[in-house]
Each structure stands twice: as structure tokens, then as C-alpha cells.
């Protein structure tokens, strides 16, 4: 399928359009897959142009049926997402505001706070890995390097069941990074 009709509805600066207000009448399916590591594949070939990935990512939403769609005002195309559509590739701590800022591989930047809270969920392989909501039902996994960077800044909190929760506080909200057995702390 040609991507040009979808791209005709995208602003060149990669701004996020109001996907939550669009209810297109036409629906279909596109041979596009987002791999667990955040790489995008169209008809089996990796999309290597970051600007194109950014543009398409601004059209992506997850609907109540659990499926992922590229959406325009006139049509939506279901695509496949192996795990989460985004990967967090950078994290910066803002000492003045007392919060962490996360950046995804597609260029989204979000503040780790009450609205964007880390939560642990299973990867396709079954590992419990933190994810953070981004927008329109979409989430981002923490990339390995970002995860370890946050772990370095983390604190431990004992639980009543003997486990120890590892996490950090950002913008006044506790952000869990994982659990440790009581004897590992």
C-alpha cells in the first residue's frame, strides 16, 4: 500500500493532530509492523527515515478493541505492534522542577508525573518491564540504557510482603521500576 494518501493529512513539523476527535468512515489494514525495539517495517522493509517514522507516529492511536491504527480524518488503517509502539531512548532530570523528562525514539518528550506514571507490564517474552503512557492509548517501553540510568537514581522501599520495590519520585509521584526479593536489597 502506498503511504502517500496517509501522509497528505500530516503536518510537516510532526505536531500531534487531534486524533481523539477523528472518526473516519473508511477502515482497512496496512502491512506495517512496529517491532518490539521500536523499528518500523512497511511491507517487510525497515523504514529508515526518522522524519517519516515521526510523521506516521503522530497518526497512531490504540482503540478500545486493543488494536493499533494509523488514522486520518477520512480513513484508518490497522497495523501490527509487537509490544509497545515507542521506546524511551533518553531521560533527563530537571533539578529545579524535581522531575524526570523522557524522550521516545519518535521524538515525543514527556514529563514523568502523575499523568505519565511508570507501570510494570509483561513484554512478549514475559519479563516485567516499565512502560509509560504517551498519548491516545499508546505507551513506551523504557530502553535498556534508560532503565539502568533510572535504576542508578532509584531508591528502595520495603513492602509488607517481604519484597522491596525499586523506584524513584518524579514531580511528586512515585514511579516503580521493579521489585527485588527481600534478601537482594
Protein backbone atom coordinates (compact mmCIF):
# COMPACT_ATOMS: atom_id res chain seq x y z
CA UNK A 1 0.00 0.00 0.00
CA UNK A 2 1.21 3.47 -0.83
CA UNK A 3 1.75 5.69 2.23
CA UNK A 4 1.21 8.95 0.34
CA UNK A 5 -2.57 9.21 0.99
CA UNK A 6 -1.95 8.98 4.73
CA UNK A 7 0.93 11.44 4.64
CA UNK A 8 -1.16 14.03 2.80
CA UNK A 9 -3.02 14.60 6.10
CA UNK A 10 0.12 15.15 8.19
CA UNK A 11 1.66 18.48 9.14
CA UNK A 12 5.32 18.64 8.10
CA UNK A 13 6.50 19.71 11.58
CA UNK A 14 5.35 16.44 13.15
CA UNK A 15 2.82 18.08 15.51
CA UNK A 16 0.24 15.75 17.04
CA UNK A 17 -3.13 16.13 15.25
CA UNK A 18 -6.44 15.78 17.16
CA UNK A 19 -6.77 12.01 16.58
CA UNK A 20 -9.17 11.72 19.51
CA UNK A 21 -11.73 13.77 17.56
CA UNK A 22 -11.39 11.93 14.25
CA UNK A 23 -13.92 9.19 13.49
CA UNK A 24 -13.16 8.13 9.91
CA UNK A 25 -15.71 6.11 7.97
CA UNK A 26 -13.25 4.06 5.94
CA UNK A 27 -11.18 1.31 7.55
CA UNK A 28 -8.62 -1.15 6.30
CA UNK A 29 -5.42 -2.93 7.14
CA UNK A 30 -1.87 -1.98 6.22
CA UNK A 31 1.22 -4.18 6.05
CA UNK A 32 3.07 -2.13 8.64
CA UNK A 33 4.63 -3.51 11.82
CA UNK A 34 6.35 -1.85 14.75
CA UNK A 35 8.90 -4.25 16.22
CA UNK A 36 9.49 -4.56 19.97
CA UNK A 37 12.68 -2.48 19.62
CA UNK A 38 10.74 0.41 18.01
CA UNK A 39 11.78 -0.19 14.39
CA UNK A 40 9.03 0.29 11.79
CA UNK A 41 8.64 -2.11 8.85
CA UNK A 42 6.44 -1.42 5.80
CA UNK A 43 5.78 -4.42 3.56
CA UNK A 44 8.74 -6.21 5.18
CA UNK A 45 11.28 -3.42 4.64
CA UNK A 46 12.60 -1.33 7.51
CA UNK A 47 11.64 2.33 7.38
CA UNK A 48 14.95 4.13 7.90
CA UNK A 49 13.87 7.76 7.52
CA UNK A 50 13.35 9.16 11.07
CA UNK A 51 11.17 12.01 9.76
CA UNK A 52 8.78 9.55 8.11
CA UNK A 53 8.57 7.45 11.28
CA UNK A 54 7.87 10.63 13.29
CA UNK A 55 5.17 11.73 10.86
CA UNK A 56 3.45 8.34 10.94
CA UNK A 57 3.76 8.13 14.73
CA UNK A 58 1.69 11.31 15.01
CA UNK A 59 -1.18 9.47 13.28
CA UNK A 60 -1.07 6.44 15.57
CA UNK A 61 -3.63 5.57 18.23
CA UNK A 62 -4.78 2.48 20.09
CA UNK A 63 -8.52 1.96 20.17
CA UNK A 64 -10.79 0.26 22.69
CA UNK A 65 -10.55 -3.02 20.75
CA UNK A 66 -6.84 -3.10 21.70
CA UNK A 67 -5.74 -2.69 18.08
CA UNK A 68 -3.39 -0.01 16.72
CA UNK A 69 -4.44 2.25 13.84
CA UNK A 70 -2.95 4.96 11.67
CA UNK A 71 -5.77 7.49 11.50
CA UNK A 72 -6.68 10.43 9.26
CA UNK A 73 -9.95 12.37 9.12
CA UNK A 74 -11.20 10.09 6.31
CA UNK A 75 -9.68 6.64 6.93
CA UNK A 76 -7.94 4.40 9.44
CA UNK A 77 -5.57 1.53 8.76
CA UNK A 78 -4.91 -1.20 11.31
CA UNK A 79 -1.24 -2.03 11.81
CA UNK A 80 0.65 -4.58 13.93
CA UNK A 81 2.60 -3.64 17.06
CA UNK A 82 4.69 -6.43 18.58
CA UNK A 83 4.95 -4.90 22.09
CA UNK A 84 4.69 -1.12 22.55
CA UNK A 85 4.94 1.36 19.67
CA UNK A 86 7.51 3.58 21.35
CA UNK A 87 10.82 3.11 23.15
CA UNK A 88 12.19 5.67 25.61
CA UNK A 89 15.74 6.43 24.46
CA UNK A 90 16.71 9.29 26.79
CA UNK A 91 15.99 10.58 30.29
CA UNK A 92 16.99 13.90 31.82
CA UNK A 93 16.50 15.03 35.41
CA UNK A 94 15.34 18.62 35.93
CA UNK A 95 16.61 19.53 39.41
CA UNK A 96 14.65 22.80 39.53
CA UNK A 97 11.29 21.08 38.90
CA UNK A 98 12.22 17.83 40.66
CA UNK A 99 11.17 15.66 37.73
CA UNK A 100 12.44 13.37 35.03
CA UNK A 101 11.83 14.08 31.34
CA UNK A 102 11.67 11.12 28.95
CA UNK A 103 12.21 11.18 25.18
CA UNK A 104 10.99 8.46 22.82
CA UNK A 105 12.70 7.28 19.64
CA UNK A 106 9.94 9.03 17.67
CA UNK A 107 10.63 12.42 19.30
CA UNK A 108 7.90 12.57 21.95
CA UNK A 109 9.03 14.26 25.16
CA UNK A 110 7.07 13.71 28.36
CA UNK A 111 7.38 14.59 31.99
CA UNK A 112 7.30 11.65 34.36
CA UNK A 113 4.47 12.70 36.69
CA UNK A 114 1.00 11.68 37.86
CA UNK A 115 -0.38 11.74 34.28
CA UNK A 116 2.63 9.87 32.88
CA UNK A 117 3.34 7.22 35.51
CA UNK A 118 5.59 4.23 35.05
CA UNK A 119 3.94 0.86 35.47
CA UNK A 120 5.31 -2.63 35.17
CA UNK A 121 3.86 -4.86 32.45
CA UNK A 122 4.92 -8.03 30.68
CA UNK A 123 6.85 -7.98 27.42
CA UNK A 124 6.03 -10.64 24.78
CA UNK A 125 8.81 -12.73 26.39
CA UNK A 126 7.15 -12.41 29.81
CA UNK A 127 9.65 -10.06 31.50
CA UNK A 128 8.21 -7.33 33.73
CA UNK A 129 9.48 -4.05 32.24
CA UNK A 130 8.36 -0.47 32.95
CA UNK A 131 6.24 1.38 30.42
CA UNK A 132 4.85 4.89 30.41
CA UNK A 133 1.70 6.21 28.68
CA UNK A 134 2.37 8.62 25.84
CA UNK A 135 -0.94 9.59 24.17
CA UNK A 136 -4.13 8.15 22.63
CA UNK A 137 -3.76 4.77 24.36
CA UNK A 138 -0.13 4.42 23.27
CA UNK A 139 2.74 3.56 25.60
CA UNK A 140 6.53 3.48 25.51
CA UNK A 141 8.86 0.87 27.00
CA UNK A 142 11.97 2.06 28.76
CA UNK A 143 15.00 1.29 26.65
CA UNK A 144 17.63 -0.77 28.47
CA UNK A 145 20.12 2.13 28.82
CA UNK A 146 17.41 4.47 30.15
CA UNK A 147 16.16 1.80 32.56
CA UNK A 148 19.65 1.38 34.05
CA UNK A 149 20.12 5.14 34.25
CA UNK A 150 16.89 5.45 36.25
CA UNK A 151 17.85 2.47 38.43
CA UNK A 152 21.07 4.32 39.36
CA UNK A 153 18.93 7.18 40.71
CA UNK A 154 16.35 4.86 42.32
CA UNK A 155 15.56 4.21 45.94
CA UNK A 156 14.27 1.09 47.64
CA UNK A 157 11.00 0.82 49.55
CA UNK A 158 10.28 -2.31 51.60
CA UNK A 159 6.80 -3.83 51.32
CA UNK A 160 4.84 -5.74 53.91
CA UNK A 161 5.15 -8.98 51.87
CA UNK A 162 8.94 -9.01 52.20
CA UNK A 163 9.70 -7.74 48.71
CA UNK A 164 11.41 -4.45 48.04
CA UNK A 165 10.11 -2.03 45.43
CA UNK A 166 12.67 -0.14 43.40
CA UNK A 167 11.60 3.24 42.04
CA UNK A 168 12.00 6.98 42.11
CA UNK A 169 9.97 10.09 42.73
CA UNK A 170 9.36 12.48 39.86
CA UNK A 171 7.12 15.57 40.10
CA UNK A 172 5.90 14.29 43.46
CA UNK A 173 4.75 10.89 42.11
CA UNK A 174 6.30 7.52 42.93
CA UNK A 175 7.46 5.78 39.76
CA UNK A 176 8.04 2.00 40.12
CA UNK A 177 10.96 0.41 38.28
CA UNK A 178 10.71 -3.13 39.59
CA UNK A 179 10.79 -5.44 42.58
CA UNK A 180 13.65 -7.09 44.39
CA UNK A 181 13.46 -10.15 46.64
CA UNK A 182 13.88 -9.04 50.29
CA UNK A 183 17.30 -10.72 50.59
CA UNK A 184 18.58 -8.93 47.44
CA UNK A 185 18.28 -5.46 48.97
